[in-house]
Amino acid sequence: MDELISLQLDDSAEQMKKAVAHTESELTKIRAGKAMPSMLDGIYIDYYGTATPLAQVSNINTPDARTLVIQPWEKNLLSTIEKAILDANIGLTPQNDGTVIRLNIPPLTEERRRDLVRKVKEEAEKGRVAVRNIRKEANDGIKKLKSEGVSEDEIKAGEAEVQKLTDKYITDVDKLAEAKEKDIMTV
C-alpha cells in the first residue's frame, strides 16, 4: 500500500481512538445510581484564583454504594466546594458537617433509568457520528492523493481499510453504550 495512504490510515485510526475515548469519558459522567468519585470530575473550584479540579484539593471517598465523602485538605475550602457542587447542577445536595461534605446519591426510579438510557444512546450516537466524520475526512484525503500519482486500486484499498477502521471503532462505541445501559438498568 502507498505510504501516503498508510499515513492517512494511521492518522484516522488515532482520531477514531480519541473519539471513542471521548465517548467513554462522557458515558462515565452519566451516573448509574452508584456513588463514584468520577461523578465529580467536571467540577472545578476557585483555589486561590485558579480554577482547580475538585479531586486536586480534596480526598473523595465512597464509604458505601450511595454516599460520596469529600474531605478537603484545607478546612476553609468547605463552603467553596459546597457552592461549586451546587453550581455544577449535578442533582446532588451537599451536606457540610464542618469537616467533610457528604453527598447522598438517591436510588434511581424506573423513569429516571429510562432517561439515563436515552442519554447514553444520545452520547453513543455522538460518538458514532464523530467516527463517521473522521471516515469521511480520511476518504476525502485518500481521494486527493490521486493527484499525487496514487493508483485507483490503491485508493480503493485505502478506502476499504478506512471502512474496516470505522466498523471497528463504531463497534467499540456500541459495546461501551451497551455496558453502560446494562449498568443503569441493573437495580
C-alpha atoms as a PDB file:
ATOM      1  CA  MET A   1       0.000   0.000   0.000  1.00  0.00           C
ATOM      2  CA  ASP A   2       1.125   3.531  -0.741  1.00  0.00           C
ATOM      3  CA  GLU A   3       2.963   5.323   2.073  1.00  0.00           C
ATOM      4  CA  LEU A   4       0.691   8.383   1.894  1.00  0.00           C
ATOM      5  CA  ILE A   5      -2.378   6.181   2.290  1.00  0.00           C
ATOM      6  CA  SER A   6      -0.771   4.424   5.263  1.00  0.00           C
ATOM      7  CA  LEU A   7      -0.131   7.787   6.934  1.00  0.00           C
ATOM      8  CA  GLN A   8      -3.758   8.798   6.337  1.00  0.00           C
ATOM      9  CA  LEU A   9      -4.950   5.499   7.861  1.00  0.00           C
ATOM     10  CA  ASP A  10      -2.716   5.870  10.923  1.00  0.00           C
ATOM     11  CA  ASP A  11      -3.953   9.425  11.456  1.00  0.00           C
ATOM     12  CA  SER A  12      -7.584   8.338  11.087  1.00  0.00           C
ATOM     13  CA  ALA A  13      -7.135   5.426  13.498  1.00  0.00           C
ATOM     14  CA  GLU A  14      -5.643   7.810  16.074  1.00  0.00           C
ATOM     15  CA  GLN A  15      -8.537  10.270  15.689  1.00  0.00           C
ATOM     16  CA  MET A  16     -11.116   7.479  15.922  1.00  0.00           C
ATOM     17  CA  LYS A  17      -9.423   6.177  19.072  1.00  0.00           C
ATOM     18  CA  LYS A  18      -9.743   9.666  20.580  1.00  0.00           C
ATOM     19  CA  ALA A  19     -13.414   9.855  19.569  1.00  0.00           C
ATOM     20  CA  VAL A  20     -14.112   6.531  21.321  1.00  0.00           C
ATOM     21  CA  ALA A  21     -12.170   7.676  24.416  1.00  0.00           C
ATOM     22  CA  HIS A  22     -14.183  10.899  24.497  1.00  0.00           C
ATOM     23  CA  THR A  23     -17.436   8.949  24.246  1.00  0.00           C
ATOM     24  CA  GLU A  24     -16.266   6.712  27.091  1.00  0.00           C
ATOM     25  CA  SER A  25     -15.473   9.722  29.288  1.00  0.00           C
ATOM     26  CA  GLU A  26     -18.896  11.242  28.527  1.00  0.00           C
ATOM     27  CA  LEU A  27     -20.590   7.950  29.418  1.00  0.00           C
ATOM     28  CA  THR A  28     -18.795   7.751  32.774  1.00  0.00           C
ATOM     29  CA  LYS A  29     -20.331  11.115  33.690  1.00  0.00           C
ATOM     30  CA  ILE A  30     -23.791   9.565  33.423  1.00  0.00           C
ATOM     31  CA  ARG A  31     -24.368   8.209  36.883  1.00  0.00           C
ATOM     32  CA  ALA A  32     -25.916   4.804  37.282  1.00  0.00           C
ATOM     33  CA  GLY A  33     -27.151   5.218  40.852  1.00  0.00           C
ATOM     34  CA  LYS A  34     -23.869   4.115  42.401  1.00  0.00           C
ATOM     35  CA  ALA A  35     -21.562   6.580  44.106  1.00  0.00           C
ATOM     36  CA  MET A  36     -18.361   7.030  42.098  1.00  0.00           C
ATOM     37  CA  PRO A  37     -15.685   9.699  42.593  1.00  0.00           C
ATOM     38  CA  SER A  38     -15.645  10.175  38.791  1.00  0.00           C
ATOM     39  CA  MET A  39     -19.108  11.770  39.101  1.00  0.00           C
ATOM     40  CA  LEU A  40     -17.339  14.889  40.351  1.00  0.00           C
ATOM     41  CA  ASP A  41     -14.669  15.004  37.604  1.00  0.00           C
ATOM     42  CA  GLY A  42     -16.184  18.001  35.834  1.00  0.00           C
ATOM     43  CA  ILE A  43     -16.329  20.165  38.972  1.00  0.00           C
ATOM     44  CA  TYR A  44     -13.748  22.920  39.418  1.00  0.00           C
ATOM     45  CA  ILE A  45     -13.366  25.227  42.390  1.00  0.00           C
ATOM     46  CA  ASP A  46     -11.711  28.606  42.736  1.00  0.00           C
ATOM     47  CA  TYR A  47      -8.471  27.762  44.557  1.00  0.00           C
ATOM     48  CA  TYR A  48      -6.510  30.943  45.242  1.00  0.00           C
ATOM     49  CA  GLY A  49      -7.690  32.485  41.975  1.00  0.00           C
ATOM     50  CA  THR A  50      -7.176  29.373  39.833  1.00  0.00           C
ATOM     51  CA  ALA A  51      -9.877  27.006  38.558  1.00  0.00           C
ATOM     52  CA  THR A  52      -8.748  23.696  40.061  1.00  0.00           C
ATOM     53  CA  PRO A  53     -10.368  20.234  39.748  1.00  0.00           C
ATOM     54  CA  LEU A  54     -12.096  19.177  42.955  1.00  0.00           C
ATOM     55  CA  ALA A  55     -10.008  15.976  43.111  1.00  0.00           C
ATOM     56  CA  GLN A  56      -6.809  18.068  43.374  1.00  0.00           C
ATOM     57  CA  VAL A  57      -7.841  19.887  46.555  1.00  0.00           C
ATOM     58  CA  SER A  58      -9.539  17.058  48.452  1.00  0.00           C
ATOM     59  CA  ASN A  59      -9.902  13.352  49.052  1.00  0.00           C
ATOM     60  CA  ILE A  60     -13.051  11.862  47.516  1.00  0.00           C
ATOM     61  CA  ASN A  61     -14.158   8.551  49.035  1.00  0.00           C
ATOM     62  CA  THR A  62     -17.130   6.231  48.729  1.00  0.00           C
ATOM     63  CA  PRO A  63     -17.818   4.714  52.170  1.00  0.00           C
ATOM     64  CA  ASP A  64     -20.841   2.875  50.702  1.00  0.00           C
ATOM     65  CA  ALA A  65     -22.645   2.498  47.367  1.00  0.00           C
ATOM     66  CA  ARG A  66     -24.888   5.528  47.969  1.00  0.00           C
ATOM     67  CA  THR A  67     -22.534   8.078  49.572  1.00  0.00           C
ATOM     68  CA  LEU A  68     -19.633  10.241  48.456  1.00  0.00           C
ATOM     69  CA  VAL A  69     -17.467  11.910  51.090  1.00  0.00           C
ATOM     70  CA  ILE A  70     -15.321  14.886  50.138  1.00  0.00           C
ATOM     71  CA  GLN A  71     -12.598  15.789  52.609  1.00  0.00           C
ATOM     72  CA  PRO A  72     -10.776  18.986  51.586  1.00  0.00           C
ATOM     73  CA  TRP A  73      -7.134  19.385  52.511  1.00  0.00           C
ATOM     74  CA  GLU A  74      -7.893  22.870  53.818  1.00  0.00           C
ATOM     75  CA  LYS A  75     -10.944  23.447  56.028  1.00  0.00           C
ATOM     76  CA  ASN A  76     -11.572  26.907  54.550  1.00  0.00           C
ATOM     77  CA  LEU A  77     -12.453  25.261  51.205  1.00  0.00           C
ATOM     78  CA  LEU A  78     -15.597  23.557  52.547  1.00  0.00           C
ATOM     79  CA  SER A  79     -18.009  26.355  51.589  1.00  0.00           C
ATOM     80  CA  THR A  80     -16.279  26.899  48.215  1.00  0.00           C
ATOM     81  CA  ILE A  81     -16.599  23.179  47.389  1.00  0.00           C
ATOM     82  CA  GLU A  82     -20.201  23.152  48.550  1.00  0.00           C
ATOM     83  CA  LYS A  83     -21.033  26.116  46.308  1.00  0.00           C
ATOM     84  CA  ALA A  84     -19.202  24.536  43.323  1.00  0.00           C
ATOM     85  CA  ILE A  85     -21.224  21.310  43.689  1.00  0.00           C
ATOM     86  CA  LEU A  86     -24.488  23.237  43.810  1.00  0.00           C
ATOM     87  CA  ASP A  87     -23.450  25.378  40.820  1.00  0.00           C
ATOM     88  CA  ALA A  88     -22.484  22.254  38.824  1.00  0.00           C
ATOM     89  CA  ASN A  89     -26.158  21.241  38.947  1.00  0.00           C
ATOM     90  CA  ILE A  90     -25.457  17.501  39.114  1.00  0.00           C
ATOM     91  CA  GLY A  91     -28.635  16.814  41.058  1.00  0.00           C
ATOM     92  CA  LEU A  92     -26.934  16.253  44.422  1.00  0.00           C
ATOM     93  CA  THR A  93     -27.239  18.366  47.555  1.00  0.00           C
ATOM     94  CA  PRO A  94     -24.052  18.632  49.631  1.00  0.00           C
ATOM     95  CA  GLN A  95     -24.252  18.194  53.404  1.00  0.00           C
ATOM     96  CA  ASN A  96     -21.466  20.068  55.197  1.00  0.00           C
ATOM     97  CA  ASP A  97     -20.688  18.913  58.751  1.00  0.00           C
ATOM     98  CA  GLY A  98     -17.723  21.242  59.300  1.00  0.00           C
ATOM     99  CA  THR A  99     -15.019  18.704  58.444  1.00  0.00           C
ATOM    100  CA  VAL A 100     -16.302  16.817  55.387  1.00  0.00           C
ATOM    101  CA  ILE A 101     -19.003  17.180  52.750  1.00  0.00           C
ATOM    102  CA  ARG A 102     -21.328  14.244  52.194  1.00  0.00           C
ATOM    103  CA  LEU A 103     -23.286  13.642  49.005  1.00  0.00           C
ATOM    104  CA  ASN A 104     -26.101  11.098  49.216  1.00  0.00           C
ATOM    105  CA  ILE A 105     -26.969   9.528  45.883  1.00  0.00           C
ATOM    106  CA  PRO A 106     -30.692   8.781  45.701  1.00  0.00           C
ATOM    107  CA  PRO A 107     -31.814   5.441  44.241  1.00  0.00           C
ATOM    108  CA  LEU A 108     -32.925   5.681  40.628  1.00  0.00           C
ATOM    109  CA  THR A 109     -36.575   5.406  39.676  1.00  0.00           C
ATOM    110  CA  GLU A 110     -37.590   3.372  36.619  1.00  0.00           C
ATOM    111  CA  GLU A 111     -38.414   6.586  34.746  1.00  0.00           C
ATOM    112  CA  ARG A 112     -35.044   8.115  35.615  1.00  0.00           C
ATOM    113  CA  ARG A 113     -33.307   4.947  34.440  1.00  0.00           C
ATOM    114  CA  ARG A 114     -35.057   5.215  31.071  1.00  0.00           C
ATOM    115  CA  ASP A 115     -33.998   8.863  30.798  1.00  0.00           C
ATOM    116  CA  LEU A 116     -30.400   7.893  31.535  1.00  0.00           C
ATOM    117  CA  VAL A 117     -30.522   5.119  28.930  1.00  0.00           C
ATOM    118  CA  ARG A 118     -31.824   7.685  26.423  1.00  0.00           C
ATOM    119  CA  LYS A 119     -28.914   9.938  27.331  1.00  0.00           C
ATOM    120  CA  VAL A 120     -26.477   7.019  26.898  1.00  0.00           C
ATOM    121  CA  LYS A 121     -27.913   6.375  23.430  1.00  0.00           C
ATOM    122  CA  GLU A 122     -27.504  10.069  22.525  1.00  0.00           C
ATOM    123  CA  GLU A 123     -23.861  10.055  23.637  1.00  0.00           C
ATOM    124  CA  ALA A 124     -23.195   6.827  21.761  1.00  0.00           C
ATOM    125  CA  GLU A 125     -24.725   8.325  18.618  1.00  0.00           C
ATOM    126  CA  LYS A 126     -22.479  11.387  19.001  1.00  0.00           C
ATOM    127  CA  GLY A 127     -19.515   9.007  19.197  1.00  0.00           C
ATOM    128  CA  ARG A 128     -20.638   7.125  16.081  1.00  0.00           C
ATOM    129  CA  VAL A 129     -21.126  10.401  14.187  1.00  0.00           C
ATOM    130  CA  ALA A 130     -17.641  11.546  15.202  1.00  0.00           C
ATOM    131  CA  VAL A 131     -16.145   8.285  13.895  1.00  0.00           C
ATOM    132  CA  ARG A 132     -18.110   8.592  10.644  1.00  0.00           C
ATOM    133  CA  ASN A 133     -16.947  12.186  10.178  1.00  0.00           C
ATOM    134  CA  ILE A 134     -13.355  11.019  10.575  1.00  0.00           C
ATOM    135  CA  ARG A 135     -14.065   8.321   7.964  1.00  0.00           C
ATOM    136  CA  LYS A 136     -15.360  10.970   5.556  1.00  0.00           C
ATOM    137  CA  GLU A 137     -12.273  13.154   6.086  1.00  0.00           C
ATOM    138  CA  ALA A 138      -9.991  10.146   5.603  1.00  0.00           C
ATOM    139  CA  ASN A 139     -11.726   9.106   2.381  1.00  0.00           C
ATOM    140  CA  ASP A 140     -11.551  12.680   1.069  1.00  0.00           C
ATOM    141  CA  GLY A 141      -7.852  12.782   1.931  1.00  0.00           C
ATOM    142  CA  ILE A 142      -7.235   9.466   0.178  1.00  0.00           C
ATOM    143  CA  LYS A 143      -9.115  10.608  -2.960  1.00  0.00           C
ATOM    144  CA  LYS A 144      -6.958  13.744  -3.105  1.00  0.00           C
ATOM    145  CA  LEU A 145      -3.875  11.508  -3.275  1.00  0.00           C
ATOM    146  CA  LYS A 146      -4.904  10.584  -6.839  1.00  0.00           C
ATOM    147  CA  SER A 147      -3.413  13.896  -7.982  1.00  0.00           C
ATOM    148  CA  GLU A 148      -0.112  12.809  -6.419  1.00  0.00           C
ATOM    149  CA  GLY A 149       0.093   9.734  -8.611  1.00  0.00           C
ATOM    150  CA  VAL A 150      -1.516   7.112  -6.371  1.00  0.00           C
ATOM    151  CA  SER A 151      -3.305   4.432  -8.433  1.00  0.00           C
ATOM    152  CA  GLU A 152      -7.069   3.831  -8.421  1.00  0.00           C
ATOM    153  CA  ASP A 153      -6.601   0.338  -6.949  1.00  0.00           C
ATOM    154  CA  GLU A 154      -4.554   1.669  -4.024  1.00  0.00           C
ATOM    155  CA  ILE A 155      -7.168   4.374  -3.395  1.00  0.00           C
ATOM    156  CA  LYS A 156      -9.936   1.713  -3.370  1.00  0.00           C
ATOM    157  CA  ALA A 157      -7.855  -0.463  -0.999  1.00  0.00           C
ATOM    158  CA  GLY A 158      -7.257   2.559   1.244  1.00  0.00           C
ATOM    159  CA  GLU A 159     -10.975   3.352   1.379  1.00  0.00           C
ATOM    160  CA  ALA A 160     -11.707  -0.282   2.252  1.00  0.00           C
ATOM    161  CA  GLU A 161      -9.196  -0.063   5.132  1.00  0.00           C
ATOM    162  CA  VAL A 162     -10.837   3.157   6.354  1.00  0.00           C
ATOM    163  CA  GLN A 163     -14.188   1.353   6.355  1.00  0.00           C
ATOM    164  CA  LYS A 164     -12.692  -1.520   8.401  1.00  0.00           C
ATOM    165  CA  LEU A 165     -11.357   1.007  10.942  1.00  0.00           C
ATOM    166  CA  THR A 166     -14.739   2.740  11.053  1.00  0.00           C
ATOM    167  CA  ASP A 167     -16.574  -0.547  11.680  1.00  0.00           C
ATOM    168  CA  LYS A 168     -14.124  -1.484  14.441  1.00  0.00           C
ATOM    169  CA  TYR A 169     -14.444   1.819  16.313  1.00  0.00           C
ATOM    170  CA  ILE A 170     -18.227   2.022  15.916  1.00  0.00           C
ATOM    171  CA  THR A 171     -18.404  -1.481  17.414  1.00  0.00           C
ATOM    172  CA  ASP A 172     -16.275  -0.218  20.324  1.00  0.00           C
ATOM    173  CA  VAL A 173     -18.712   2.687  20.888  1.00  0.00           C
ATOM    174  CA  ASP A 174     -21.668   0.263  20.751  1.00  0.00           C
ATOM    175  CA  LYS A 175     -20.038  -2.036  23.325  1.00  0.00           C
ATOM    176  CA  LEU A 176     -19.415   0.913  25.685  1.00  0.00           C
ATOM    177  CA  ALA A 177     -23.029   2.056  25.352  1.00  0.00           C
ATOM    178  CA  GLU A 178     -24.368  -1.463  25.852  1.00  0.00           C
ATOM    179  CA  ALA A 179     -22.316  -1.925  29.025  1.00  0.00           C
ATOM    180  CA  LYS A 180     -23.470   1.437  30.389  1.00  0.00           C
ATOM    181  CA  GLU A 181     -27.123   0.668  29.604  1.00  0.00           C
ATOM    182  CA  LYS A 182     -26.829  -2.673  31.385  1.00  0.00           C
ATOM    183  CA  ASP A 183     -25.208  -0.912  34.350  1.00  0.00           C
ATOM    184  CA  ILE A 184     -28.033   1.631  34.536  1.00  0.00           C
ATOM    185  CA  MET A 185     -30.845  -0.892  34.215  1.00  0.00           C
ATOM    186  CA  THR A 186     -29.385  -3.207  36.883  1.00  0.00           C
ATOM    187  CA  VAL A 187     -31.292  -2.496  40.072  1.00  0.00           C
END
